[in-house]
Amino acid sequence: MDPSALNNAELVQFINQEKERAMANEMVAKLTTVCWDKCITGTPGSKFSSSEQSCLSNCARRYLDLSVIIMKRFQNMQ
């Protein structure tokens, strides 16, 4: 996208979209690190065990639920 071709409103929208994309990428990286460290205790094989799969799924679900709650609280503060 050529920034010189954008008007101010389009530029602001583009910047906000890029910020949201960066935040989403950061959240996925954090979720991966936290859940991996919590759920994968040994050397992983070619497949996750059923307990590892369950742990990863529950961890990711809790992490995302908590992230939504935190975002809503921040939105209410503004």
Protein backbone atom coordinates (compact mmCIF):
# COMPACT_ATOMS: atom_id res chain seq x y z
CA MET A 1 0.00 0.00 0.00
CA ASP A 2 1.44 3.36 -1.05
CA PRO A 3 1.13 5.75 1.94
CA SER A 4 1.32 8.83 -0.33
CA ALA A 5 -1.95 7.80 -1.98
CA LEU A 6 -3.88 7.68 1.30
CA ASN A 7 -5.85 10.49 2.80
CA ASN A 8 -5.63 11.08 6.55
CA ALA A 9 -8.66 8.94 7.49
CA GLU A 10 -7.43 6.02 5.38
CA LEU A 11 -3.97 6.32 6.91
CA VAL A 12 -5.38 6.27 10.44
CA GLN A 13 -7.50 3.23 9.58
CA PHE A 14 -4.50 1.46 8.05
CA ILE A 15 -2.34 2.17 11.11
CA ASN A 16 -5.06 0.92 13.45
CA GLN A 17 -5.42 -2.29 11.43
CA GLU A 18 -1.67 -2.85 11.57
CA LYS A 19 -1.67 -2.28 15.35
CA GLU A 20 -4.48 -4.82 15.75
CA ARG A 21 -2.60 -7.32 13.59
CA ALA A 22 0.56 -6.84 15.67
CA MET A 23 -1.40 -7.27 18.91
CA ALA A 24 -2.99 -10.49 17.61
CA ASN A 25 0.41 -11.86 16.60
CA GLU A 26 1.82 -10.97 20.01
CA MET A 27 -1.09 -12.66 21.76
CA VAL A 28 -0.66 -15.87 19.74
CA ALA A 29 3.07 -15.92 20.51
CA LYS A 30 2.41 -15.41 24.23
CA LEU A 31 -0.34 -18.04 24.26
CA THR A 32 1.93 -20.53 22.52
CA THR A 33 4.77 -19.96 24.97
CA VAL A 34 2.61 -20.05 28.10
CA CYS A 35 0.60 -23.11 27.12
CA TRP A 36 3.61 -25.00 25.74
CA ASP A 37 5.59 -24.44 28.96
CA LYS A 38 2.61 -25.48 31.07
CA CYS A 39 1.45 -28.54 29.11
CA ILE A 40 4.49 -30.07 27.41
CA THR A 41 6.68 -31.36 30.21
CA GLY A 42 8.90 -33.79 28.31
CA THR A 43 10.37 -34.08 24.86
CA PRO A 44 7.49 -34.06 22.37
CA GLY A 45 7.14 -37.02 20.06
CA SER A 46 5.48 -37.13 16.67
CA LYS A 47 2.07 -36.62 18.36
CA PHE A 48 0.82 -35.04 21.56
CA SER A 49 -0.56 -37.37 24.20
CA SER A 50 -4.26 -37.07 25.02
CA SER A 51 -3.43 -35.30 28.30
CA GLU A 52 -1.17 -32.83 26.44
CA GLN A 53 -3.88 -32.19 23.85
CA SER A 54 -6.45 -31.59 26.57
CA CYS A 55 -4.11 -29.33 28.53
CA LEU A 56 -3.21 -27.28 25.44
CA SER A 57 -6.86 -26.89 24.48
CA ASN A 58 -7.94 -25.85 27.98
CA CYS A 59 -4.98 -23.51 28.41
CA ALA A 60 -5.65 -21.76 25.09
CA ARG A 61 -9.36 -21.45 25.87
CA ARG A 62 -8.69 -19.93 29.32
CA TYR A 63 -6.05 -17.58 27.91
CA LEU A 64 -8.38 -16.31 25.17
CA ASP A 65 -11.32 -15.97 27.58
CA LEU A 66 -9.19 -13.93 29.96
CA SER A 67 -7.91 -11.77 27.10
CA VAL A 68 -11.49 -10.96 26.06
CA ILE A 69 -12.40 -10.02 29.65
CA ILE A 70 -9.36 -7.75 29.93
CA MET A 71 -10.10 -6.06 26.58
CA LYS A 72 -13.71 -5.42 27.62
CA ARG A 73 -12.57 -3.85 30.89
CA PHE A 74 -10.14 -1.57 29.05
CA GLN A 75 -12.90 -0.55 26.64
CA ASN A 76 -15.20 0.28 29.56
CA MET A 77 -12.50 2.46 31.12
CA GLN A 78 -12.25 4.69 28.03
